[in-house]
C-alpha atoms as a PDB file:
ATOM      1  CA  MET A   1      98.206  48.494 193.200  1.00  0.00           C
ATOM      2  CA  SER A   2      95.338  50.943 194.770  1.00  0.00           C
ATOM      3  CA  GLN A   3      96.132  53.240 197.838  1.00  0.00           C
ATOM      4  CA  GLN A   4      93.619  50.690 199.682  1.00  0.00           C
ATOM      5  CA  ASP A   5      95.298  47.585 198.023  1.00  0.00           C
ATOM      6  CA  ARG A   6      98.646  48.407 200.021  1.00  0.00           C
ATOM      7  CA  PRO A   7      99.489  47.263 203.070  1.00  0.00           C
ATOM      8  CA  GLN A   8     100.543  49.275 206.025  1.00  0.00           C
ATOM      9  CA  THR A   9     103.909  49.518 206.248  1.00  0.00           C
ATOM     10  CA  PRO A  10     107.017  48.898 207.129  1.00  0.00           C
ATOM     11  CA  VAL A  11     106.403  45.104 206.706  1.00  0.00           C
ATOM     12  CA  ILE A  12     108.507  42.965 208.626  1.00  0.00           C
ATOM     13  CA  ALA A  13     107.827  39.409 206.133  1.00  0.00           C
ATOM     14  CA  PRO A  14     108.964  36.249 207.885  1.00  0.00           C
ATOM     15  CA  SER A  15     110.914  34.264 205.821  1.00  0.00           C
ATOM     16  CA  MET A  16     109.519  30.628 205.585  1.00  0.00           C
ATOM     17  CA  LEU A  17     113.063  28.977 204.288  1.00  0.00           C
ATOM     18  CA  LYS A  18     113.929  29.522 208.178  1.00  0.00           C
ATOM     19  CA  CYS A  19     111.111  28.140 210.218  1.00  0.00           C
ATOM     20  CA  ASP A  20     110.970  24.416 211.467  1.00  0.00           C
ATOM     21  CA  PHE A  21     108.836  22.369 208.679  1.00  0.00           C
ATOM     22  CA  GLY A  22     108.011  19.528 211.226  1.00  0.00           C
ATOM     23  CA  ASN A  23     106.091  22.354 213.341  1.00  0.00           C
ATOM     24  CA  LEU A  24     104.311  24.177 210.466  1.00  0.00           C
ATOM     25  CA  ASP A  25     100.889  24.749 212.311  1.00  0.00           C
ATOM     26  CA  ALA A  26     102.808  26.282 215.666  1.00  0.00           C
ATOM     27  CA  GLU A  27     105.204  28.006 213.288  1.00  0.00           C
ATOM     28  CA  ILE A  28     101.760  29.649 211.164  1.00  0.00           C
ATOM     29  CA  GLN A  29     100.150  30.250 214.540  1.00  0.00           C
ATOM     30  CA  LYS A  30     103.342  31.806 216.533  1.00  0.00           C
ATOM     31  CA  LEU A  31     103.903  34.220 213.825  1.00  0.00           C
ATOM     32  CA  GLU A  32     100.189  35.638 213.950  1.00  0.00           C
ATOM     33  CA  ALA A  33     100.465  36.038 217.557  1.00  0.00           C
ATOM     34  CA  ALA A  34     103.692  37.749 216.682  1.00  0.00           C
ATOM     35  CA  GLY A  35     102.078  40.263 215.191  1.00  0.00           C
ATOM     36  CA  ALA A  36     103.635  39.542 211.710  1.00  0.00           C
ATOM     37  CA  ALA A  37     100.814  40.735 208.314  1.00  0.00           C
ATOM     38  CA  THR A  38     102.702  38.708 205.472  1.00  0.00           C
ATOM     39  CA  LEU A  39     104.845  35.142 204.822  1.00  0.00           C
ATOM     40  CA  HIS A  40     107.518  35.266 202.539  1.00  0.00           C
ATOM     41  CA  LEU A  41     107.606  32.447 200.481  1.00  0.00           C
ATOM     42  CA  ASP A  42     111.176  31.126 199.189  1.00  0.00           C
ATOM     43  CA  VAL A  43     110.463  29.429 195.975  1.00  0.00           C
ATOM     44  CA  MET A  44     114.128  27.342 194.788  1.00  0.00           C
ATOM     45  CA  ASP A  45     114.135  25.006 191.499  1.00  0.00           C
ATOM     46  CA  GLY A  46     117.336  23.594 191.682  1.00  0.00           C
ATOM     47  CA  HIS A  47     118.321  25.649 188.426  1.00  0.00           C
ATOM     48  CA  PHE A  48     118.060  29.397 188.524  1.00  0.00           C
ATOM     49  CA  VAL A  49     119.441  28.742 192.342  1.00  0.00           C
ATOM     50  CA  PRO A  50     121.610  25.933 193.241  1.00  0.00           C
ATOM     51  CA  ASN A  51     119.641  24.877 196.058  1.00  0.00           C
ATOM     52  CA  LEU A  52     115.806  23.448 196.188  1.00  0.00           C
ATOM     53  CA  SER A  53     113.057  24.344 198.993  1.00  0.00           C
ATOM     54  CA  TYR A  54     109.205  24.370 198.021  1.00  0.00           C
ATOM     55  CA  GLY A  55     106.579  24.598 195.416  1.00  0.00           C
ATOM     56  CA  PRO A  56     102.721  25.320 195.060  1.00  0.00           C
ATOM     57  CA  MET A  57     102.080  21.553 197.682  1.00  0.00           C
ATOM     58  CA  VAL A  58     103.377  22.781 200.397  1.00  0.00           C
ATOM     59  CA  ILE A  59     102.325  26.710 199.751  1.00  0.00           C
ATOM     60  CA  GLU A  60      98.070  24.935 199.830  1.00  0.00           C
ATOM     61  CA  ARG A  61      98.766  23.742 203.184  1.00  0.00           C
ATOM     62  CA  ILE A  62      99.887  26.628 204.552  1.00  0.00           C
ATOM     63  CA  ARG A  63      97.135  29.102 202.675  1.00  0.00           C
ATOM     64  CA  GLU A  64      94.487  26.493 204.526  1.00  0.00           C
ATOM     65  CA  ARG A  65      96.018  27.551 207.919  1.00  0.00           C
ATOM     66  CA  THR A  66      96.255  31.065 207.270  1.00  0.00           C
ATOM     67  CA  LYS A  67      94.935  34.566 206.389  1.00  0.00           C
ATOM     68  CA  LEU A  68      98.253  35.904 206.127  1.00  0.00           C
ATOM     69  CA  ILE A  69      99.280  37.860 202.969  1.00  0.00           C
ATOM     70  CA  LEU A  70     100.976  35.118 201.014  1.00  0.00           C
ATOM     71  CA  ASP A  71     104.225  37.108 198.991  1.00  0.00           C
ATOM     72  CA  ALA A  72     106.151  34.524 196.989  1.00  0.00           C
ATOM     73  CA  HIS A  73     109.729  34.851 196.243  1.00  0.00           C
ATOM     74  CA  LEU A  74     109.966  32.638 192.570  1.00  0.00           C
ATOM     75  CA  MET A  75     113.448  31.712 192.364  1.00  0.00           C
ATOM     76  CA  ILE A  76     113.144  29.979 189.594  1.00  0.00           C
ATOM     77  CA  SER A  77     114.029  29.439 185.800  1.00  0.00           C
ATOM     78  CA  ASP A  78     110.821  29.128 183.739  1.00  0.00           C
ATOM     79  CA  PRO A  79     108.372  30.815 186.197  1.00  0.00           C
ATOM     80  CA  GLU A  80     105.617  31.348 183.453  1.00  0.00           C
ATOM     81  CA  LYS A  81     104.814  27.320 182.797  1.00  0.00           C
ATOM     82  CA  TYR A  82     103.829  27.416 187.275  1.00  0.00           C
ATOM     83  CA  LEU A  83     102.227  30.722 187.450  1.00  0.00           C
ATOM     84  CA  ASP A  84      99.189  29.061 187.960  1.00  0.00           C
ATOM     85  CA  GLU A  85     100.051  26.794 190.302  1.00  0.00           C
ATOM     86  CA  TYR A  86     100.885  29.807 192.115  1.00  0.00           C
ATOM     87  CA  ILE A  87      97.927  32.027 191.706  1.00  0.00           C
ATOM     88  CA  ARG A  88      95.879  28.672 192.093  1.00  0.00           C
ATOM     89  CA  VAL A  89      97.010  27.959 195.656  1.00  0.00           C
ATOM     90  CA  GLY A  90      96.784  31.452 196.813  1.00  0.00           C
ATOM     91  CA  CYS A  91     100.060  32.961 196.342  1.00  0.00           C
ATOM     92  CA  ASP A  92      98.918  37.348 197.019  1.00  0.00           C
ATOM     93  CA  TRP A  93     102.183  38.646 195.988  1.00  0.00           C
ATOM     94  CA  ILE A  94     103.959  37.026 193.099  1.00  0.00           C
ATOM     95  CA  THR A  95     107.586  38.288 192.182  1.00  0.00           C
ATOM     96  CA  PHE A  96     109.897  36.598 189.824  1.00  0.00           C
ATOM     97  CA  HIS A  97     113.390  37.519 188.592  1.00  0.00           C
ATOM     98  CA  ILE A  98     114.616  39.694 185.643  1.00  0.00           C
ATOM     99  CA  GLU A  99     117.655  37.601 185.082  1.00  0.00           C
ATOM    100  CA  ALA A 100     114.784  34.439 184.401  1.00  0.00           C
ATOM    101  CA  VAL A 101     112.677  36.373 182.379  1.00  0.00           C
ATOM    102  CA  PRO A 102     114.233  39.041 180.312  1.00  0.00           C
ATOM    103  CA  GLU A 103     110.992  40.401 178.959  1.00  0.00           C
ATOM    104  CA  PRO A 104     108.567  40.317 181.151  1.00  0.00           C
ATOM    105  CA  THR A 105     105.509  42.571 180.395  1.00  0.00           C
ATOM    106  CA  ALA A 106     103.223  39.505 179.662  1.00  0.00           C
ATOM    107  CA  LEU A 107     103.980  37.279 182.871  1.00  0.00           C
ATOM    108  CA  LEU A 108     103.586  40.783 184.722  1.00  0.00           C
ATOM    109  CA  LYS A 109     100.457  41.762 183.234  1.00  0.00           C
ATOM    110  CA  LYS A 110      99.240  37.629 184.179  1.00  0.00           C
ATOM    111  CA  ILE A 111      99.303  37.872 187.720  1.00  0.00           C
ATOM    112  CA  ARG A 112      98.184  41.518 187.859  1.00  0.00           C
ATOM    113  CA  ASP A 113      94.934  40.381 185.977  1.00  0.00           C
ATOM    114  CA  ALA A 114      94.650  37.420 187.906  1.00  0.00           C
ATOM    115  CA  GLY A 115      93.793  39.787 191.015  1.00  0.00           C
ATOM    116  CA  ARG A 116      97.616  39.348 192.105  1.00  0.00           C
ATOM    117  CA  LEU A 117     100.042  41.844 193.227  1.00  0.00           C
ATOM    118  CA  ALA A 118     103.212  41.166 190.531  1.00  0.00           C
ATOM    119  CA  GLY A 119     107.076  41.818 191.912  1.00  0.00           C
ATOM    120  CA  ILE A 120     110.562  41.726 189.858  1.00  0.00           C
ATOM    121  CA  ALA A 121     113.501  40.757 191.614  1.00  0.00           C
ATOM    122  CA  ILE A 122     116.856  41.906 190.890  1.00  0.00           C
ATOM    123  CA  ASN A 123     120.164  39.682 191.855  1.00  0.00           C
ATOM    124  CA  PRO A 124     123.134  41.452 193.375  1.00  0.00           C
ATOM    125  CA  GLY A 125     124.679  42.249 190.086  1.00  0.00           C
ATOM    126  CA  THR A 126     121.909  43.548 188.370  1.00  0.00           C
ATOM    127  CA  PRO A 127     121.304  46.951 187.944  1.00  0.00           C
ATOM    128  CA  VAL A 128     118.232  49.227 189.419  1.00  0.00           C
ATOM    129  CA  ASP A 129     117.763  50.152 185.261  1.00  0.00           C
ATOM    130  CA  ARG A 130     117.372  46.777 184.200  1.00  0.00           C
ATOM    131  CA  ILE A 131     113.915  47.249 185.131  1.00  0.00           C
ATOM    132  CA  ALA A 132     113.837  50.640 184.944  1.00  0.00           C
ATOM    133  CA  LYS A 133     111.183  50.059 181.816  1.00  0.00           C
ATOM    134  CA  LEU A 134     109.096  47.918 183.898  1.00  0.00           C
ATOM    135  CA  LYS A 135     108.083  51.058 186.324  1.00  0.00           C
ATOM    136  CA  ASN A 136     104.618  51.263 185.209  1.00  0.00           C
ATOM    137  CA  GLN A 137     103.959  47.419 185.603  1.00  0.00           C
ATOM    138  CA  VAL A 138     104.900  46.293 188.267  1.00  0.00           C
ATOM    139  CA  ASP A 139     103.456  46.901 191.969  1.00  0.00           C
ATOM    140  CA  LEU A 140     106.656  45.185 193.541  1.00  0.00           C
ATOM    141  CA  VAL A 141     110.552  45.610 193.500  1.00  0.00           C
ATOM    142  CA  LEU A 142     113.047  43.417 195.468  1.00  0.00           C
ATOM    143  CA  VAL A 143     116.068  43.930 195.685  1.00  0.00           C
ATOM    144  CA  MET A 144     117.977  41.150 196.424  1.00  0.00           C
ATOM    145  CA  SER A 145     120.947  42.052 199.614  1.00  0.00           C
ATOM    146  CA  VAL A 146     122.738  38.473 199.037  1.00  0.00           C
ATOM    147  CA  GLU A 147     123.331  36.324 196.066  1.00  0.00           C
ATOM    148  CA  PRO A 148     119.724  34.026 195.823  1.00  0.00           C
ATOM    149  CA  GLY A 149     119.576  30.181 196.779  1.00  0.00           C
ATOM    150  CA  PHE A 150     120.995  30.158 200.514  1.00  0.00           C
ATOM    151  CA  GLY A 151     120.044  31.945 203.865  1.00  0.00           C
ATOM    152  CA  GLY A 152     121.650  32.966 206.646  1.00  0.00           C
ATOM    153  CA  GLN A 153     124.725  35.276 204.470  1.00  0.00           C
ATOM    154  CA  SER A 154     125.990  38.736 204.752  1.00  0.00           C
ATOM    155  CA  PHE A 155     123.888  42.170 203.278  1.00  0.00           C
ATOM    156  CA  ILE A 156     125.385  43.586 200.305  1.00  0.00           C
ATOM    157  CA  PRO A 157     126.078  47.379 201.089  1.00  0.00           C
ATOM    158  CA  ASP A 158     125.759  47.873 197.504  1.00  0.00           C
ATOM    159  CA  ALA A 159     121.888  46.996 198.123  1.00  0.00           C
ATOM    160  CA  ILE A 160     121.832  50.736 200.164  1.00  0.00           C
ATOM    161  CA  GLN A 161     122.233  52.935 196.937  1.00  0.00           C
ATOM    162  CA  LYS A 162     119.965  50.376 194.266  1.00  0.00           C
ATOM    163  CA  VAL A 163     117.891  50.838 197.058  1.00  0.00           C
ATOM    164  CA  ALA A 164     117.433  54.284 196.548  1.00  0.00           C
ATOM    165  CA  GLU A 165     117.718  54.076 192.745  1.00  0.00           C
ATOM    166  CA  ALA A 166     114.408  52.055 193.705  1.00  0.00           C
ATOM    167  CA  ARG A 167     112.747  54.382 195.119  1.00  0.00           C
ATOM    168  CA  SER A 168     113.522  57.630 192.764  1.00  0.00           C
ATOM    169  CA  LEU A 169     112.736  55.382 189.825  1.00  0.00           C
ATOM    170  CA  PHE A 170     109.587  53.762 190.698  1.00  0.00           C
ATOM    171  CA  PRO A 171     105.964  55.211 191.592  1.00  0.00           C
ATOM    172  CA  SER A 172     105.760  55.968 195.162  1.00  0.00           C
ATOM    173  CA  GLU A 173     102.990  53.126 195.312  1.00  0.00           C
ATOM    174  CA  THR A 174     105.147  50.416 194.292  1.00  0.00           C
ATOM    175  CA  LEU A 175     106.584  48.442 197.490  1.00  0.00           C
ATOM    176  CA  ILE A 176     110.203  48.398 198.049  1.00  0.00           C
ATOM    177  CA  SER A 177     111.394  45.089 199.533  1.00  0.00           C
ATOM    178  CA  ILE A 178     115.097  43.909 200.193  1.00  0.00           C
ATOM    179  CA  ASP A 179     115.565  40.420 200.920  1.00  0.00           C
ATOM    180  CA  GLY A 180     119.006  39.160 202.481  1.00  0.00           C
ATOM    181  CA  GLY A 181     120.887  39.452 205.884  1.00  0.00           C
ATOM    182  CA  ILE A 182     118.220  42.166 207.043  1.00  0.00           C
ATOM    183  CA  GLY A 183     117.980  42.181 210.262  1.00  0.00           C
ATOM    184  CA  PRO A 184     118.326  45.292 213.215  1.00  0.00           C
ATOM    185  CA  ALA A 185     121.661  46.410 212.380  1.00  0.00           C
ATOM    186  CA  THR A 186     121.240  46.383 208.462  1.00  0.00           C
ATOM    187  CA  ILE A 187     117.521  47.878 208.346  1.00  0.00           C
ATOM    188  CA  PRO A 188     118.300  51.802 209.499  1.00  0.00           C
ATOM    189  CA  ASP A 189     119.740  52.674 206.279  1.00  0.00           C
ATOM    190  CA  VAL A 190     118.021  50.452 204.051  1.00  0.00           C
ATOM    191  CA  ALA A 191     114.663  52.068 205.371  1.00  0.00           C
ATOM    192  CA  ALA A 192     116.492  55.812 205.127  1.00  0.00           C
ATOM    193  CA  ASN A 193     116.282  55.285 201.303  1.00  0.00           C
ATOM    194  CA  GLY A 194     112.862  54.205 201.380  1.00  0.00           C
ATOM    195  CA  VAL A 195     111.946  50.127 201.961  1.00  0.00           C
ATOM    196  CA  ASP A 196     108.476  49.453 202.648  1.00  0.00           C
ATOM    197  CA  VAL A 197     108.946  45.343 202.700  1.00  0.00           C
ATOM    198  CA  TYR A 198     111.926  43.602 204.738  1.00  0.00           C
ATOM    199  CA  VAL A 199     112.314  39.860 204.475  1.00  0.00           C
ATOM    200  CA  ALA A 200     113.996  38.628 207.836  1.00  0.00           C
ATOM    201  CA  GLY A 201     114.614  35.049 208.336  1.00  0.00           C
ATOM    202  CA  SER A 202     117.640  34.112 210.679  1.00  0.00           C
ATOM    203  CA  SER A 203     116.721  37.242 213.095  1.00  0.00           C
ATOM    204  CA  ILE A 204     113.294  35.794 213.745  1.00  0.00           C
ATOM    205  CA  PHE A 205     113.636  32.598 213.819  1.00  0.00           C
ATOM    206  CA  ASP A 206     116.462  31.777 215.590  1.00  0.00           C
ATOM    207  CA  GLN A 207     115.267  34.689 218.353  1.00  0.00           C
ATOM    208  CA  PRO A 208     113.848  33.490 221.667  1.00  0.00           C
ATOM    209  CA  CYS A 209     110.313  35.543 221.334  1.00  0.00           C
ATOM    210  CA  TYR A 210     108.876  36.248 217.189  1.00  0.00           C
ATOM    211  CA  GLU A 211     107.133  38.581 218.280  1.00  0.00           C
ATOM    212  CA  THR A 212     109.851  40.683 220.572  1.00  0.00           C
ATOM    213  CA  ALA A 213     112.127  40.659 217.387  1.00  0.00           C
ATOM    214  CA  ILE A 214     109.216  41.748 215.311  1.00  0.00           C
ATOM    215  CA  ARG A 215     108.239  44.418 216.881  1.00  0.00           C
ATOM    216  CA  GLU A 216     112.261  45.606 217.543  1.00  0.00           C
ATOM    217  CA  MET A 217     112.407  45.431 213.561  1.00  0.00           C
ATOM    218  CA  THR A 218     108.893  47.162 212.766  1.00  0.00           C
ATOM    219  CA  SER A 219     109.795  49.965 214.852  1.00  0.00           C
ATOM    220  CA  ILE A 220     113.491  50.444 213.783  1.00  0.00           C
ATOM    221  CA  ALA A 221     111.859  50.656 210.295  1.00  0.00           C
ATOM    222  CA  SER A 222     109.741  53.243 211.152  1.00  0.00           C
ATOM    223  CA  SER A 223     111.581  55.225 212.551  1.00  0.00           C
ATOM    224  CA  ASN A 224     114.119  55.718 209.516  1.00  0.00           C
ATOM    225  CA  SER A 225     112.214  55.691 207.212  1.00  0.00           C
ATOM    226  CA  PRO A 226     111.783  58.895 205.625  1.00  0.00           C
ATOM    227  CA  SER A 227     108.626  60.719 205.490  1.00  0.00           C
ATOM    228  CA  ARG A 228     105.771  59.086 202.333  1.00  0.00           C
ATOM    229  CA  GLN A 229     103.320  61.086 201.122  1.00  0.00           C
END
């Protein structure tokens, strides 16, 4: 990923799992007006994780309604089988799990060759050294700070150390993302250890004003982030 491709950080990425899909147009408009730059798309297959969410058909409708970065998090057992669809419908960042694809080199290359940012995610029980060999193959590392598959869970503190390990291991241009239990109370510690992208669900969608929520979390992340030259 070149520096031109790197988004201005910190990025607060609303988790669309928590949005009101009955009012999708209105939700996207509210998030755009609130200053969101990225929408985080939680794709669940009912197999890799116990819940089902949505897939390319819904994402295609979202893409038609916004030019914001679409950050697809594939919590699915066989991402390679469906990758072409997620590329086709306009996902800009595509992240899948090392637990689902133990040998991910070819799939990461395919994502990059399509001109998209390639991400790898690790579950709470997976050590960072499991992905160490990928440090020159990925554009984004997603550290799960809850067990994937459910919204509204409590932050797992062990994620703080995993963020620090990922930040020290991967090149400075690699985005470090965190997902699960993220809000004003949990951002300071992970920000201090080098997170760039903060996936936030309840801390945005359960608030009366999306703009206030995003602005507050952006400010907290910025004030706690180490200098990144």
